[in-house]
Structure formats: structure tokens, C-alpha cells
Amino acid sequence: MDIGVLKESAHQEKRVAVTPNVISKICKLGHNIMVERGLGEDANFIDSEYLDAGAVIADPSNIWSCDVILKINKPTTDELEKIKEN
């Protein structure tokens, strides 16, 4: 299963839906994880930590095509339009 994690679009939101530690656990279960570049910057996680944990840094347009999208806040109307059908 492809799992995507996007940066939060809410103003001043610093939390991330998944930390590098959790990424490594999900990858061990056989899932593919794509994260948006700079995902954890505001939460003091750098891209290399996500890469070392097994994630792939991807463009947001590719992440929206994942089977599962992880976010803290509910998607905006614009974001809902990007979710793939089914």
C-alpha cells in the first residue's frame, strides 16, 4: 500500500502526522511511504531523517495519488479535489 504524508496547510500548524520513527515501523510492515519535502521542518525533523527511515521525498501531486493520505487537520476544499477517485 502507498501511504502519503503531506505538510499541513493550516496557518501556524507545526505538528506532523508521522515522525521518522513511525515511518520505519510502517515500512517494516511492507508499505511504501511518500512524504512532502520539508514535511517535518517546523517540528524539528529534517528530510534526511525521513529518508533514513525508509520514506521517499515526493512532489505533493504524487502524494495525492497514494492509497492513504495522512494529515493532522482535515483537508481543505481545494485539497479534497486532489484526492484520487476510489
N, C-alpha and C. Protein backbone atom coordinates (compact mmCIF):
# COMPACT_ATOMS: atom_id res chain seq x y z
N MET A 1 0.85 -1.17 0.00
CA MET A 1 0.00 0.00 0.00
C MET A 1 0.90 1.23 0.00
N ASP A 2 0.50 2.23 -0.76
CA ASP A 2 1.21 3.50 -0.79
C ASP A 2 0.56 4.47 0.18
N ILE A 3 1.36 5.00 1.08
CA ILE A 3 0.89 5.94 2.10
C ILE A 3 1.61 7.26 1.88
N GLY A 4 0.86 8.35 1.82
CA GLY A 4 1.44 9.67 1.62
C GLY A 4 1.23 10.56 2.82
N VAL A 5 2.23 11.39 3.11
CA VAL A 5 2.15 12.33 4.22
C VAL A 5 2.45 13.72 3.69
N LEU A 6 1.51 14.63 3.90
CA LEU A 6 1.63 16.00 3.41
C LEU A 6 1.89 16.99 4.54
N LYS A 7 2.56 18.10 4.17
CA LYS A 7 2.71 19.19 5.14
C LYS A 7 1.32 19.75 5.42
N GLU A 8 1.15 20.25 6.60
CA GLU A 8 -0.14 20.83 6.98
C GLU A 8 -0.32 22.19 6.33
N SER A 9 -1.54 22.45 5.88
CA SER A 9 -1.83 23.73 5.23
C SER A 9 -2.42 24.75 6.20
N ALA A 10 -2.81 24.31 7.39
CA ALA A 10 -3.38 25.22 8.39
C ALA A 10 -2.31 26.21 8.87
N HIS A 11 -2.71 27.44 9.04
CA HIS A 11 -1.82 28.51 9.47
C HIS A 11 -1.15 28.17 10.79
N GLN A 12 0.17 28.27 10.85
CA GLN A 12 0.99 28.06 12.04
C GLN A 12 0.89 26.65 12.63
N GLU A 13 0.50 25.67 11.81
CA GLU A 13 0.47 24.28 12.28
C GLU A 13 1.88 23.72 12.19
N LYS A 14 2.43 23.28 13.31
CA LYS A 14 3.80 22.78 13.34
C LYS A 14 3.87 21.27 13.51
N ARG A 15 2.76 20.64 13.79
CA ARG A 15 2.77 19.19 14.00
C ARG A 15 2.86 18.46 12.67
N VAL A 16 3.34 17.21 12.75
CA VAL A 16 3.37 16.33 11.58
C VAL A 16 2.58 15.07 11.91
N ALA A 17 1.97 14.49 10.88
CA ALA A 17 1.16 13.31 11.09
C ALA A 17 2.00 12.08 11.41
N VAL A 18 3.25 12.05 10.93
CA VAL A 18 4.12 10.90 11.14
C VAL A 18 5.56 11.36 11.35
N THR A 19 6.20 10.80 12.36
CA THR A 19 7.61 11.10 12.62
C THR A 19 8.48 10.04 11.93
N PRO A 20 9.77 10.31 11.77
CA PRO A 20 10.65 9.31 11.16
C PRO A 20 10.62 7.96 11.89
N ASN A 21 10.51 7.96 13.20
CA ASN A 21 10.46 6.71 13.97
C ASN A 21 9.26 5.86 13.55
N VAL A 22 8.14 6.49 13.33
CA VAL A 22 6.93 5.76 12.91
C VAL A 22 7.06 5.31 11.46
N ILE A 23 7.71 6.12 10.63
CA ILE A 23 7.93 5.75 9.22
C ILE A 23 8.64 4.41 9.14
N SER A 24 9.69 4.24 9.92
CA SER A 24 10.46 2.98 9.85
C SER A 24 9.59 1.79 10.24
N LYS A 25 8.71 1.95 11.18
CA LYS A 25 7.82 0.86 11.60
C LYS A 25 6.81 0.52 10.50
N ILE A 26 6.28 1.54 9.85
CA ILE A 26 5.32 1.31 8.76
C ILE A 26 6.01 0.62 7.58
N CYS A 27 7.23 1.04 7.28
CA CYS A 27 7.98 0.43 6.18
C CYS A 27 8.26 -1.04 6.46
N LYS A 28 8.55 -1.38 7.71
CA LYS A 28 8.81 -2.78 8.08
C LYS A 28 7.59 -3.66 7.86
N LEU A 29 6.41 -3.05 7.82
CA LEU A 29 5.17 -3.79 7.55
C LEU A 29 4.97 -3.99 6.05
N GLY A 30 5.86 -3.42 5.24
CA GLY A 30 5.79 -3.63 3.79
C GLY A 30 5.10 -2.53 3.01
N HIS A 31 4.82 -1.42 3.66
CA HIS A 31 4.15 -0.31 2.97
C HIS A 31 5.18 0.68 2.43
N ASN A 32 4.79 1.39 1.38
CA ASN A 32 5.62 2.44 0.80
C ASN A 32 5.15 3.78 1.35
N ILE A 33 6.09 4.62 1.77
CA ILE A 33 5.74 5.91 2.35
C ILE A 33 6.35 7.02 1.50
N MET A 34 5.51 7.98 1.10
CA MET A 34 5.96 9.18 0.41
C MET A 34 5.68 10.37 1.30
N VAL A 35 6.66 11.23 1.47
CA VAL A 35 6.47 12.44 2.27
C VAL A 35 6.82 13.66 1.44
N GLU A 36 6.16 14.74 1.75
CA GLU A 36 6.42 16.01 1.06
C GLU A 36 7.73 16.61 1.56
N ARG A 37 8.50 17.17 0.64
CA ARG A 37 9.77 17.82 1.01
C ARG A 37 9.51 18.86 2.10
N GLY A 38 10.33 18.85 3.14
CA GLY A 38 10.19 19.81 4.23
C GLY A 38 9.08 19.47 5.20
N LEU A 39 8.55 18.26 5.13
CA LEU A 39 7.42 17.86 5.98
C LEU A 39 7.63 18.20 7.44
N GLY A 40 8.77 17.86 7.99
CA GLY A 40 8.97 17.99 9.43
C GLY A 40 9.78 19.19 9.88
N GLU A 41 10.07 20.11 8.99
CA GLU A 41 10.92 21.26 9.35
C GLU A 41 10.42 22.00 10.58
N ASP A 42 9.14 22.29 10.65
CA ASP A 42 8.60 23.05 11.78
C ASP A 42 8.52 22.22 13.06
N ALA A 43 8.65 20.90 12.93
CA ALA A 43 8.62 20.01 14.09
C ALA A 43 10.01 19.47 14.41
N ASN A 44 11.03 20.09 13.81
CA ASN A 44 12.43 19.74 14.04
C ASN A 44 12.83 18.35 13.53
N PHE A 45 12.23 17.91 12.42
CA PHE A 45 12.65 16.71 11.73
C PHE A 45 13.12 17.14 10.34
N ILE A 46 14.28 16.65 9.93
CA ILE A 46 14.79 17.02 8.61
C ILE A 46 14.53 15.90 7.61
N ASP A 47 14.54 16.27 6.33
CA ASP A 47 14.23 15.31 5.26
C ASP A 47 15.10 14.06 5.32
N SER A 48 16.38 14.23 5.65
CA SER A 48 17.27 13.06 5.69
C SER A 48 16.84 12.04 6.74
N GLU A 49 16.20 12.49 7.81
CA GLU A 49 15.69 11.55 8.82
C GLU A 49 14.56 10.69 8.24
N TYR A 50 13.71 11.31 7.45
CA TYR A 50 12.63 10.57 6.79
C TYR A 50 13.19 9.60 5.76
N LEU A 51 14.20 10.05 5.01
CA LEU A 51 14.84 9.18 4.02
C LEU A 51 15.51 7.98 4.70
N ASP A 52 16.24 8.24 5.77
CA ASP A 52 16.92 7.16 6.50
C ASP A 52 15.92 6.16 7.08
N ALA A 53 14.72 6.63 7.39
CA ALA A 53 13.68 5.75 7.96
C ALA A 53 12.98 4.92 6.88
N GLY A 54 13.22 5.26 5.60
CA GLY A 54 12.64 4.47 4.51
C GLY A 54 11.62 5.20 3.65
N ALA A 55 11.37 6.46 3.94
CA ALA A 55 10.41 7.22 3.14
C ALA A 55 11.06 7.73 1.86
N VAL A 56 10.23 8.10 0.91
CA VAL A 56 10.66 8.73 -0.33
C VAL A 56 10.14 10.16 -0.30
N ILE A 57 11.00 11.12 -0.64
CA ILE A 57 10.56 12.50 -0.75
C ILE A 57 9.88 12.65 -2.11
N ALA A 58 8.64 13.13 -2.10
CA ALA A 58 7.87 13.20 -3.34
C ALA A 58 7.17 14.55 -3.48
N ASP A 59 6.82 14.85 -4.71
CA ASP A 59 6.05 16.04 -5.03
C ASP A 59 4.63 15.84 -4.51
N PRO A 60 4.00 16.89 -3.98
CA PRO A 60 2.63 16.74 -3.46
C PRO A 60 1.65 16.15 -4.47
N SER A 61 1.82 16.45 -5.76
CA SER A 61 0.90 15.90 -6.76
C SER A 61 0.98 14.38 -6.80
N ASN A 62 2.14 13.81 -6.56
CA ASN A 62 2.28 12.36 -6.49
C ASN A 62 1.71 11.79 -5.20
N ILE A 63 1.85 12.54 -4.13
CA ILE A 63 1.35 12.07 -2.83
C ILE A 63 -0.17 11.96 -2.85
N TRP A 64 -0.83 12.88 -3.53
CA TRP A 64 -2.30 12.84 -3.59
C TRP A 64 -2.81 11.58 -4.28
N SER A 65 -1.97 10.88 -5.01
CA SER A 65 -2.41 9.66 -5.68
C SER A 65 -2.20 8.41 -4.83
N CYS A 66 -1.71 8.56 -3.61
CA CYS A 66 -1.49 7.41 -2.71
C CYS A 66 -2.82 6.80 -2.28
N ASP A 67 -2.73 5.56 -1.80
CA ASP A 67 -3.92 4.85 -1.30
C ASP A 67 -4.46 5.49 -0.02
N VAL A 68 -3.54 5.98 0.81
CA VAL A 68 -3.89 6.60 2.09
C VAL A 68 -3.11 7.90 2.22
N ILE A 69 -3.79 8.96 2.64
CA ILE A 69 -3.15 10.26 2.89
C ILE A 69 -3.24 10.54 4.38
N LEU A 70 -2.10 10.87 5.00
CA LEU A 70 -2.08 11.19 6.42
C LEU A 70 -1.88 12.68 6.62
N LYS A 71 -2.74 13.27 7.46
CA LYS A 71 -2.68 14.69 7.81
C LYS A 71 -3.16 14.83 9.24
N ILE A 72 -2.80 15.92 9.87
CA ILE A 72 -3.31 16.24 11.20
C ILE A 72 -4.71 16.86 11.08
N ASN A 73 -4.81 17.89 10.25
CA ASN A 73 -6.06 18.62 10.08
C ASN A 73 -6.84 18.09 8.88
N LYS A 74 -8.15 18.27 8.93
CA LYS A 74 -8.97 17.82 7.80
C LYS A 74 -8.57 18.56 6.53
N PRO A 75 -8.73 17.91 5.39
CA PRO A 75 -8.36 18.56 4.13
C PRO A 75 -9.25 19.76 3.83
N THR A 76 -8.65 20.75 3.18
CA THR A 76 -9.42 21.90 2.73
C THR A 76 -10.25 21.49 1.51
N THR A 77 -11.14 22.34 1.09
CA THR A 77 -11.94 22.06 -0.11
C THR A 77 -11.04 21.84 -1.32
N ASP A 78 -10.02 22.69 -1.46
CA ASP A 78 -9.08 22.54 -2.58
C ASP A 78 -8.34 21.21 -2.50
N GLU A 79 -7.96 20.81 -1.30
CA GLU A 79 -7.25 19.54 -1.13
C GLU A 79 -8.16 18.35 -1.43
N LEU A 80 -9.41 18.44 -1.06
CA LEU A 80 -10.34 17.33 -1.33
C LEU A 80 -10.45 17.05 -2.83
N GLU A 81 -10.36 18.08 -3.64
CA GLU A 81 -10.43 17.92 -5.09
C GLU A 81 -9.23 17.18 -5.66
N LYS A 82 -8.13 17.11 -4.91
CA LYS A 82 -6.91 16.46 -5.37
C LYS A 82 -6.87 14.96 -5.05
N ILE A 83 -7.74 14.51 -4.17
CA ILE A 83 -7.74 13.10 -3.78
C ILE A 83 -8.21 12.26 -4.95
N LYS A 84 -7.48 11.16 -5.19
CA LYS A 84 -7.83 10.31 -6.33
C LYS A 84 -9.17 9.62 -6.10
N GLU A 85 -9.83 9.31 -7.18
CA GLU A 85 -11.13 8.66 -7.11
C GLU A 85 -10.97 7.25 -6.58
N ASN A 86 -11.97 6.78 -5.81
CA ASN A 86 -11.97 5.45 -5.21
C ASN A 86 -10.98 5.33 -4.09
